[in-house]
Every structure is written in C-alpha cells, then in structure tokens.
Amino acid sequence: MAELKTQRNKASVAAFIVGVADEGRRADCRALASLMEKATGEKPAMWGDSIVGFGAYHYVYASGREGDWFLCGFAPRKQDLTLYIMSGFERYGDLMSRLGRHKTGKSCLYLKRLADVDQEVLAQLVAASVAHLRRGRGCKD
C-alpha cells in the first residue's frame, strides 16, 4: 500500500506563515493558528509543504487502509483559505447555517477571508469536530 505523501514534518510553521505573500492572508493564517491551537490544545505542525495541522488521530478504513492525520488544519491556497474539518459537516447544520459566507467539500471548508465568517461560530465548529474525532476515533499524539 502506498504511503501518504502528506506527512507531519519538522518544518517551521512560523516561517511558513511569514512566507505567505498577501498580508491579509498572512493575518488570517495567524488568527486561524490561534483559533485551532485553542480548540485542540495542540501546537501547530507542518504537514507536507503547505498544510498547518493540529494534533493527530489514527484512522482505519473498512478496506484496511490506515494512517495518521491531523485533527484540524488549514492551508492558504491561491483562491481560498482551506480549513480541514475532518469530521465533515453533516452533523453541524446549525453551526453551518450561522457561519457566514463559505463553501464546503467533503471535509474542506473554503473561505475567501476570515472576515467573511463569524469567528465564534467557526471556533465552535472546530471544537465540535475535534471532540467528535477524539470520542469516536481514538487519538494519537
């Protein structure tokens, strides 16, 4: 079975954030790092070249594939800020309806900028997702 390319590494999160070209996006990254650190109680770590992740959990799929992944994280992409809400969004309808302007994928929350959403609701969403993973999946870290 192929190993995941995106692995936790020792690269500097601070240097990565400083390297974000747009000052507004850089400020959003700093705010997200603070929000996610508070929600998880974990320090940030680089995962691959461009994802800042917090904590980790071990997963095992029915197929037998397994691995370790971060509890939550973010990446400043060209078009959007991508937030990784690993438990998905189905169980968080009320929070999602109050969040503000966003798009979603399976476990990705896409924001143009942090000011487009209610940051208190975002903090609740991140905390609820992390709690779900810690209850249901068993954490590793």
Protein backbone atom coordinates (compact mmCIF):
# COMPACT_ATOMS: atom_id res chain seq x y z
CA MET A 1 0.00 0.00 0.00
CA ALA A 2 1.37 3.40 -0.95
CA GLU A 3 2.36 5.76 1.83
CA LEU A 4 0.63 9.15 2.03
CA LYS A 5 2.69 11.99 0.58
CA THR A 6 1.41 14.46 3.16
CA GLN A 7 3.21 13.64 6.39
CA ARG A 8 3.82 15.58 9.56
CA ASN A 9 7.30 17.11 9.47
CA LYS A 10 9.60 19.42 11.40
CA ALA A 11 9.36 22.43 9.07
CA SER A 12 8.71 25.76 10.79
CA VAL A 13 5.07 26.81 10.92
CA ALA A 14 6.11 30.39 11.75
CA ALA A 15 8.40 30.55 8.70
CA PHE A 16 5.64 29.11 6.52
CA ILE A 17 3.14 31.74 7.67
CA VAL A 18 5.68 34.57 7.26
CA GLY A 19 6.18 33.33 3.70
CA VAL A 20 2.50 33.81 2.78
CA ALA A 21 2.69 36.61 0.21
CA ASP A 22 -0.53 38.52 0.92
CA GLU A 23 -0.58 40.39 4.25
CA GLY A 24 -4.33 39.86 4.72
CA ARG A 25 -3.99 36.13 4.11
CA ARG A 26 -0.98 36.06 6.46
CA ALA A 27 -3.06 37.73 9.21
CA ASP A 28 -5.88 35.22 8.62
CA CYS A 29 -3.36 32.37 8.97
CA ARG A 30 -2.12 33.74 12.29
CA ALA A 31 -5.72 34.06 13.55
CA LEU A 32 -6.59 30.53 12.38
CA ALA A 33 -3.49 29.13 14.06
CA SER A 34 -4.53 30.73 17.33
CA LEU A 35 -8.14 29.56 17.00
CA MET A 36 -7.13 25.96 16.19
CA GLU A 37 -4.47 25.80 18.89
CA LYS A 38 -7.05 26.92 21.44
CA ALA A 39 -9.64 24.41 20.15
CA THR A 40 -7.25 21.45 20.19
CA GLY A 41 -4.80 22.30 22.96
CA GLU A 42 -2.12 21.26 20.46
CA LYS A 43 0.79 23.16 18.93
CA PRO A 44 0.76 23.56 15.13
CA ALA A 45 2.90 21.38 12.89
CA MET A 46 3.55 21.37 9.17
CA TRP A 47 2.02 18.51 7.22
CA GLY A 48 3.61 18.34 3.80
CA ASP A 49 4.70 21.63 2.27
CA SER A 50 1.58 23.72 2.75
CA ILE A 51 -0.78 22.45 5.47
CA VAL A 52 -0.67 23.58 9.09
CA GLY A 53 -2.19 20.83 11.22
CA PHE A 54 -3.03 20.43 14.90
CA GLY A 55 -2.87 17.20 16.86
CA ALA A 56 -3.31 13.81 15.23
CA TYR A 57 -5.55 10.79 15.21
CA HIS A 58 -5.20 7.31 13.82
CA TYR A 59 -7.79 6.10 11.31
CA VAL A 60 -8.58 2.68 9.89
CA TYR A 61 -10.90 2.30 6.91
CA ALA A 62 -13.05 -0.78 6.28
CA SER A 63 -10.69 -1.60 3.40
CA GLY A 64 -7.87 -2.00 5.92
CA ARG A 65 -6.08 1.18 4.87
CA GLU A 66 -4.92 3.12 7.88
CA GLY A 67 -2.82 6.09 8.80
CA ASP A 68 -2.38 9.17 10.92
CA TRP A 69 -3.85 12.57 10.12
CA PHE A 70 -4.30 15.90 11.86
CA LEU A 71 -7.41 16.71 13.91
CA CYS A 72 -7.90 20.02 12.11
CA GLY A 73 -5.78 22.27 9.96
CA PHE A 74 -5.62 24.91 7.29
CA ALA A 75 -3.81 25.83 4.12
CA PRO A 76 -3.62 29.27 2.48
CA ARG A 77 -4.39 28.32 -1.12
CA LYS A 78 -4.36 30.72 -4.06
CA GLN A 79 -8.15 31.05 -4.33
CA ASP A 80 -9.29 30.39 -0.77
CA LEU A 81 -8.27 29.63 2.75
CA THR A 82 -8.88 25.90 3.05
CA LEU A 83 -9.79 24.66 6.52
CA TYR A 84 -9.76 20.94 7.17
CA ILE A 85 -12.68 19.94 9.38
CA MET A 86 -12.01 16.22 9.46
CA SER A 87 -15.38 15.07 10.84
CA GLY A 88 -17.20 16.67 7.88
CA PHE A 89 -20.21 18.95 8.12
CA GLU A 90 -23.36 16.81 8.16
CA ARG A 91 -23.79 16.85 11.94
CA TYR A 92 -23.22 20.61 12.23
CA GLY A 93 -26.19 22.05 10.31
CA ASP A 94 -26.99 24.72 12.89
CA LEU A 95 -23.39 25.95 13.07
CA MET A 96 -23.03 25.91 9.29
CA SER A 97 -26.19 27.97 8.85
CA ARG A 98 -24.78 30.64 11.18
CA LEU A 99 -21.20 30.55 9.94
CA GLY A 100 -21.33 33.11 7.15
CA ARG A 101 -20.04 33.07 3.58
CA HIS A 102 -18.30 29.78 2.78
CA LYS A 103 -18.19 26.73 0.51
CA THR A 104 -17.61 23.13 1.52
CA GLY A 105 -16.18 19.92 0.17
CA LYS A 106 -16.29 16.58 1.99
CA SER A 107 -14.07 17.76 4.86
CA CYS A 108 -12.88 21.10 3.47
CA LEU A 109 -14.26 24.49 4.37
CA TYR A 110 -13.35 27.17 1.83
CA LEU A 111 -13.24 30.82 2.86
CA LYS A 112 -12.21 33.82 0.79
CA ARG A 113 -11.15 35.52 4.01
CA LEU A 114 -11.71 35.02 7.69
CA ALA A 115 -13.75 38.24 7.98
CA ASP A 116 -16.49 36.56 5.88
CA VAL A 117 -17.46 34.26 8.76
CA ASP A 118 -18.49 34.51 12.39
CA GLN A 119 -15.27 33.52 14.13
CA GLU A 120 -17.05 32.42 17.31
CA VAL A 121 -19.18 30.01 15.26
CA LEU A 122 -16.03 28.84 13.45
CA ALA A 123 -14.34 28.17 16.81
CA GLN A 124 -17.38 26.14 17.92
CA LEU A 125 -17.29 24.16 14.66
CA VAL A 126 -13.60 23.35 15.01
CA ALA A 127 -14.01 22.39 18.69
CA ALA A 128 -17.03 20.17 17.94
CA SER A 129 -15.19 18.39 15.12
CA VAL A 130 -12.11 17.80 17.26
CA ALA A 131 -14.26 16.49 20.14
CA HIS A 132 -16.04 14.12 17.73
CA LEU A 133 -12.75 12.73 16.46
CA ARG A 134 -11.36 12.31 19.95
CA ARG A 135 -14.50 10.47 21.10
CA GLY A 136 -15.05 8.28 18.11
CA ARG A 137 -11.70 7.56 16.53
CA GLY A 138 -9.17 7.40 19.31
CA CYS A 139 -6.40 9.95 19.15
CA LYS A 140 -2.72 9.58 18.75
CA ASP A 141 -0.21 12.20 19.73
